[in-house]
Amino acid sequence: MVDASIGDFLECKGNSVTLKDSAKIPPEKRAMLAEVSKGERGGFRIKLHDKLGAIEKLMRHLGMYEKARQAPVKPADVTRATLLAVRRDA
C-alpha cells in the first residue's frame, strides 16, 4: 500500500494515457486497487486504497503509534530508575 502509485496502472505515450494490461500488473499491485470504473467522458477512474489509513493501522498493529504519542523519556529519568532498581535488588 505504501508504495502504491498511479503509474503502476497507467501507460503514458506522448499525449495519450491508457490502462496497462492487467497481465502486466503484479497481483500485489492489483490488490491496491479500490475501484476501477469508466469515466463520464470515456476515460477511466482509478481509486487506490487509503495509504495514510493503511500506515496508521500498521503502526497501531506494531505498537508504534502509541509509542510515538508518549512523552519522551529524559536520560536522567532512565538513570534514576536504574539506580532505584539496583538499590531494591541489593
C-alpha atoms as a PDB file:
ATOM      1  CA  MET A   1       0.000   0.000   0.000  1.00  0.00           C
ATOM      2  CA  VAL A   2       2.669   2.446   0.991  1.00  0.00           C
ATOM      3  CA  ASP A   3       4.443   2.415  -2.352  1.00  0.00           C
ATOM      4  CA  ALA A   4       1.272   2.446  -4.484  1.00  0.00           C
ATOM      5  CA  SER A   5       1.487   4.741  -7.462  1.00  0.00           C
ATOM      6  CA  ILE A   6      -0.976   5.537 -10.217  1.00  0.00           C
ATOM      7  CA  GLY A   7       1.899   4.861 -12.634  1.00  0.00           C
ATOM      8  CA  ASP A   8       1.654   1.180 -11.707  1.00  0.00           C
ATOM      9  CA  PHE A   9      -1.652   1.048 -13.610  1.00  0.00           C
ATOM     10  CA  LEU A  10      -1.258   3.536 -16.473  1.00  0.00           C
ATOM     11  CA  GLU A  11       0.915   3.734 -19.580  1.00  0.00           C
ATOM     12  CA  CYS A  12       1.787   7.189 -20.875  1.00  0.00           C
ATOM     13  CA  LYS A  13       2.844   7.521 -24.515  1.00  0.00           C
ATOM     14  CA  GLY A  14       3.102  11.055 -25.807  1.00  0.00           C
ATOM     15  CA  ASN A  15      -0.216  12.741 -25.057  1.00  0.00           C
ATOM     16  CA  SER A  16      -2.191   9.523 -24.556  1.00  0.00           C
ATOM     17  CA  VAL A  17      -2.793   7.680 -21.310  1.00  0.00           C
ATOM     18  CA  THR A  18      -4.084   4.096 -21.306  1.00  0.00           C
ATOM     19  CA  LEU A  19      -4.649   1.403 -18.721  1.00  0.00           C
ATOM     20  CA  LYS A  20      -1.926  -1.228 -18.524  1.00  0.00           C
ATOM     21  CA  ASP A  21      -2.826  -4.762 -19.436  1.00  0.00           C
ATOM     22  CA  SER A  22      -3.836  -6.495 -16.198  1.00  0.00           C
ATOM     23  CA  ALA A  23      -1.395  -9.328 -17.001  1.00  0.00           C
ATOM     24  CA  LYS A  24       1.444  -6.773 -16.701  1.00  0.00           C
ATOM     25  CA  ILE A  25       0.379  -5.704 -13.191  1.00  0.00           C
ATOM     26  CA  PRO A  26       1.636  -7.992 -10.388  1.00  0.00           C
ATOM     27  CA  PRO A  27      -1.056  -9.378  -8.040  1.00  0.00           C
ATOM     28  CA  GLU A  28       0.308  -7.424  -5.050  1.00  0.00           C
ATOM     29  CA  LYS A  29      -0.145  -4.190  -7.013  1.00  0.00           C
ATOM     30  CA  ARG A  30      -3.657  -5.147  -8.179  1.00  0.00           C
ATOM     31  CA  ALA A  31      -4.615  -5.615  -4.517  1.00  0.00           C
ATOM     32  CA  MET A  32      -4.002  -1.874  -4.045  1.00  0.00           C
ATOM     33  CA  LEU A  33      -6.920  -1.005  -6.333  1.00  0.00           C
ATOM     34  CA  ALA A  34     -10.066   0.025  -4.523  1.00  0.00           C
ATOM     35  CA  GLU A  35     -12.044   0.796  -7.678  1.00  0.00           C
ATOM     36  CA  VAL A  36     -11.733   0.986 -11.468  1.00  0.00           C
ATOM     37  CA  SER A  37     -14.667   2.426 -13.380  1.00  0.00           C
ATOM     38  CA  LYS A  38     -15.483   4.058 -16.686  1.00  0.00           C
ATOM     39  CA  GLY A  39     -15.403   7.854 -16.538  1.00  0.00           C
ATOM     40  CA  GLU A  40     -18.100  10.207 -17.793  1.00  0.00           C
ATOM     41  CA  ARG A  41     -16.138  11.258 -20.882  1.00  0.00           C
ATOM     42  CA  GLY A  42     -14.913   7.813 -21.916  1.00  0.00           C
ATOM     43  CA  GLY A  43     -11.845   7.728 -19.685  1.00  0.00           C
ATOM     44  CA  PHE A  44     -11.240   5.615 -16.618  1.00  0.00           C
ATOM     45  CA  ARG A  45     -11.442   6.378 -12.938  1.00  0.00           C
ATOM     46  CA  ILE A  46      -8.886   4.620 -10.742  1.00  0.00           C
ATOM     47  CA  LYS A  47      -9.136   4.765  -6.984  1.00  0.00           C
ATOM     48  CA  LEU A  48      -6.415   3.333  -4.725  1.00  0.00           C
ATOM     49  CA  HIS A  49      -6.871   2.316  -1.103  1.00  0.00           C
ATOM     50  CA  ASP A  50      -6.091   4.957   1.551  1.00  0.00           C
ATOM     51  CA  LYS A  51      -2.311   4.998   2.124  1.00  0.00           C
ATOM     52  CA  LEU A  52      -2.351   7.054   5.312  1.00  0.00           C
ATOM     53  CA  GLY A  53      -5.062   4.879   6.811  1.00  0.00           C
ATOM     54  CA  ALA A  54      -3.056   1.749   5.997  1.00  0.00           C
ATOM     55  CA  ILE A  55       0.111   3.224   7.537  1.00  0.00           C
ATOM     56  CA  GLU A  56      -1.765   4.232  10.691  1.00  0.00           C
ATOM     57  CA  LYS A  57      -3.329   0.765  11.048  1.00  0.00           C
ATOM     58  CA  LEU A  58       0.075  -0.877  10.559  1.00  0.00           C
ATOM     59  CA  MET A  59       1.676   1.406  13.148  1.00  0.00           C
ATOM     60  CA  ARG A  60      -1.109   0.611  15.630  1.00  0.00           C
ATOM     61  CA  HIS A  61      -0.729  -3.113  14.962  1.00  0.00           C
ATOM     62  CA  LEU A  62       3.025  -2.930  15.569  1.00  0.00           C
ATOM     63  CA  GLY A  63       2.583  -0.793  18.690  1.00  0.00           C
ATOM     64  CA  MET A  64       4.438   2.123  17.111  1.00  0.00           C
ATOM     65  CA  TYR A  65       1.560   4.596  17.192  1.00  0.00           C
ATOM     66  CA  GLU A  66       1.200   4.624  20.969  1.00  0.00           C
ATOM     67  CA  LYS A  67       4.966   4.874  21.487  1.00  0.00           C
ATOM     68  CA  ALA A  68       5.148   7.884  19.169  1.00  0.00           C
ATOM     69  CA  ARG A  69       2.455   9.685  21.185  1.00  0.00           C
ATOM     70  CA  GLN A  70       4.112   9.095  24.572  1.00  0.00           C
ATOM     71  CA  ALA A  71       6.211  11.818  26.136  1.00  0.00           C
ATOM     72  CA  PRO A  72       9.928  11.264  25.532  1.00  0.00           C
ATOM     73  CA  VAL A  73      11.882   9.880  28.475  1.00  0.00           C
ATOM     74  CA  LYS A  74      14.752  12.031  29.658  1.00  0.00           C
ATOM     75  CA  PRO A  75      18.125  10.298  30.179  1.00  0.00           C
ATOM     76  CA  ALA A  76      18.121  11.456  33.826  1.00  0.00           C
ATOM     77  CA  ASP A  77      14.806   9.640  34.391  1.00  0.00           C
ATOM     78  CA  VAL A  78      16.265   6.413  32.987  1.00  0.00           C
ATOM     79  CA  THR A  79      19.375   6.733  35.177  1.00  0.00           C
ATOM     80  CA  ARG A  80      17.271   7.378  38.275  1.00  0.00           C
ATOM     81  CA  ALA A  81      15.011   4.394  37.542  1.00  0.00           C
ATOM     82  CA  THR A  82      18.059   2.160  37.014  1.00  0.00           C
ATOM     83  CA  LEU A  83      19.668   3.271  40.285  1.00  0.00           C
ATOM     84  CA  LEU A  84      16.430   2.696  42.205  1.00  0.00           C
ATOM     85  CA  ALA A  85      16.123  -0.795  40.702  1.00  0.00           C
ATOM     86  CA  VAL A  86      19.720  -1.641  41.685  1.00  0.00           C
ATOM     87  CA  ARG A  87      19.111  -0.430  45.249  1.00  0.00           C
ATOM     88  CA  ARG A  88      15.982  -2.559  45.548  1.00  0.00           C
ATOM     89  CA  ASP A  89      17.841  -5.665  44.371  1.00  0.00           C
ATOM     90  CA  ALA A  90      20.882  -5.080  46.660  1.00  0.00           C
END
